[in-house]
Protein backbone atom coordinates (compact mmCIF):
# COMPACT_ATOMS: atom_id res chain seq x y z
CA MET A 1 -17.06 15.59 8.80
CA SER A 2 -13.74 13.74 8.64
CA PHE A 3 -15.57 10.68 7.25
CA LEU A 4 -16.79 12.76 4.29
CA ILE A 5 -13.26 14.04 3.73
CA PHE A 6 -12.03 10.43 3.86
CA LEU A 7 -14.60 9.50 1.18
CA LEU A 8 -13.52 12.46 -0.95
CA VAL A 9 -9.84 11.50 -0.60
CA GLY A 10 -10.81 7.93 -1.56
CA LEU A 11 -12.62 9.20 -4.64
CA ILE A 12 -9.65 11.33 -5.68
CA ALA A 13 -7.24 8.45 -5.07
CA GLY A 14 -9.44 6.06 -7.06
CA ILE A 15 -9.68 8.46 -10.01
CA ILE A 16 -5.91 9.02 -10.07
CA ALA A 17 -5.21 5.29 -9.75
CA LYS A 18 -7.62 4.47 -12.60
CA ALA A 19 -5.92 7.15 -14.72
CA VAL A 20 -2.51 5.60 -14.01
CA MET A 21 -3.80 2.06 -14.67
CA PRO A 22 -6.70 2.53 -17.12
CA GLY A 23 -7.46 -1.11 -17.89
CA ARG A 24 -8.85 -2.89 -20.93
CA ALA A 25 -11.95 -2.02 -22.89
CA GLY A 26 -15.03 -3.61 -21.39
CA GLU A 27 -13.47 -3.86 -17.93
CA PRO A 28 -16.01 -2.97 -15.25
CA GLY A 29 -15.14 0.15 -13.38
CA GLY A 30 -17.79 2.79 -12.97
CA TRP A 31 -17.82 5.57 -10.41
CA LEU A 32 -18.96 3.31 -7.57
CA LEU A 33 -16.11 0.85 -8.14
CA THR A 34 -13.69 3.76 -8.42
CA ILE A 35 -14.83 5.09 -5.03
CA VAL A 36 -14.61 1.63 -3.45
CA LEU A 37 -11.11 1.08 -4.86
CA GLY A 38 -10.05 4.50 -3.66
CA ILE A 39 -11.40 3.95 -0.15
CA ALA A 40 -9.80 0.51 0.09
CA GLY A 41 -6.60 2.03 -1.28
CA ALA A 42 -6.78 4.78 1.33
CA PHE A 43 -6.96 2.15 4.07
CA LEU A 44 -4.08 0.17 2.57
CA GLY A 45 -2.05 3.30 1.84
CA GLY A 46 -2.62 4.63 5.36
CA PHE A 47 -1.46 1.32 6.79
CA LEU A 48 1.62 1.25 4.56
CA GLY A 49 2.39 4.89 5.30
CA ASN A 50 2.21 4.27 9.03
CA LEU A 51 4.28 1.11 8.62
CA PHE A 52 7.05 3.06 6.91
CA GLY A 53 6.79 5.96 9.36
CA ALA A 54 5.32 8.45 6.90
CA GLN A 55 2.86 11.11 8.03
CA SER A 56 -0.08 9.65 6.09
CA ALA A 57 -2.81 9.66 8.71
CA ASN A 58 -5.37 12.41 8.31
CA ALA A 59 -6.05 12.94 12.01
CA SER A 60 -6.83 16.65 11.67
CA GLY A 61 -9.71 15.98 9.27
CA SER A 62 -8.17 18.04 6.49
CA PHE A 63 -6.59 17.24 3.15
CA SER A 64 -3.01 16.06 3.12
CA LEU A 65 -1.00 15.62 -0.06
CA MET A 66 0.99 12.84 1.57
CA GLY A 67 -2.26 11.13 2.59
CA ILE A 68 -3.58 11.35 -0.97
CA LEU A 69 -0.27 10.02 -2.32
CA TRP A 70 -0.38 6.99 0.00
CA ALA A 71 -4.05 6.44 -0.87
CA VAL A 72 -3.17 6.46 -4.59
CA ILE A 73 -0.32 3.99 -3.99
CA GLY A 74 -2.69 1.74 -2.04
CA SER A 75 -5.32 2.00 -4.81
CA ILE A 76 -2.79 1.08 -7.49
CA ILE A 77 -1.75 -1.96 -5.46
CA ILE A 78 -5.39 -3.03 -5.07
CA ILE A 79 -6.10 -2.58 -8.80
CA ALA A 80 -2.99 -4.61 -9.67
CA LEU A 81 -3.98 -7.39 -7.27
CA ALA A 82 -7.56 -7.41 -8.55
CA ARG A 83 -6.33 -7.75 -12.12
CA LEU A 84 -3.91 -10.46 -11.11
CA PHE A 85 -6.61 -12.58 -9.50
CA THR A 86 -9.52 -11.81 -11.84
CA GLY A 87 -7.71 -11.79 -15.17
CA ARG A 88 -9.16 -13.71 -18.07
CA ARG A 89 -8.06 -17.31 -18.14
CA ALA A 90 -8.05 -19.62 -21.12
CA VAL A 91 -10.62 -22.40 -20.77
């Protein structure tokens, strides 16, 4: 059950991160990519939260606002890095 909650937190984090950093027209980013970015951001945010001593881990299997906040921060970092490395380059 906690895995499903983790996926839901990842989805929420991905949606919030995409709302904060909407991107250009024509940029790929459907629901599946949003979920993947959110889940990856949840991993990164959980790592960063634990690194800084924040209570970001969701060990009880329930929602945590701090966990969602760290997941959103991690998702924003991943979106920024993806755009940095996959940006359009002049040929």
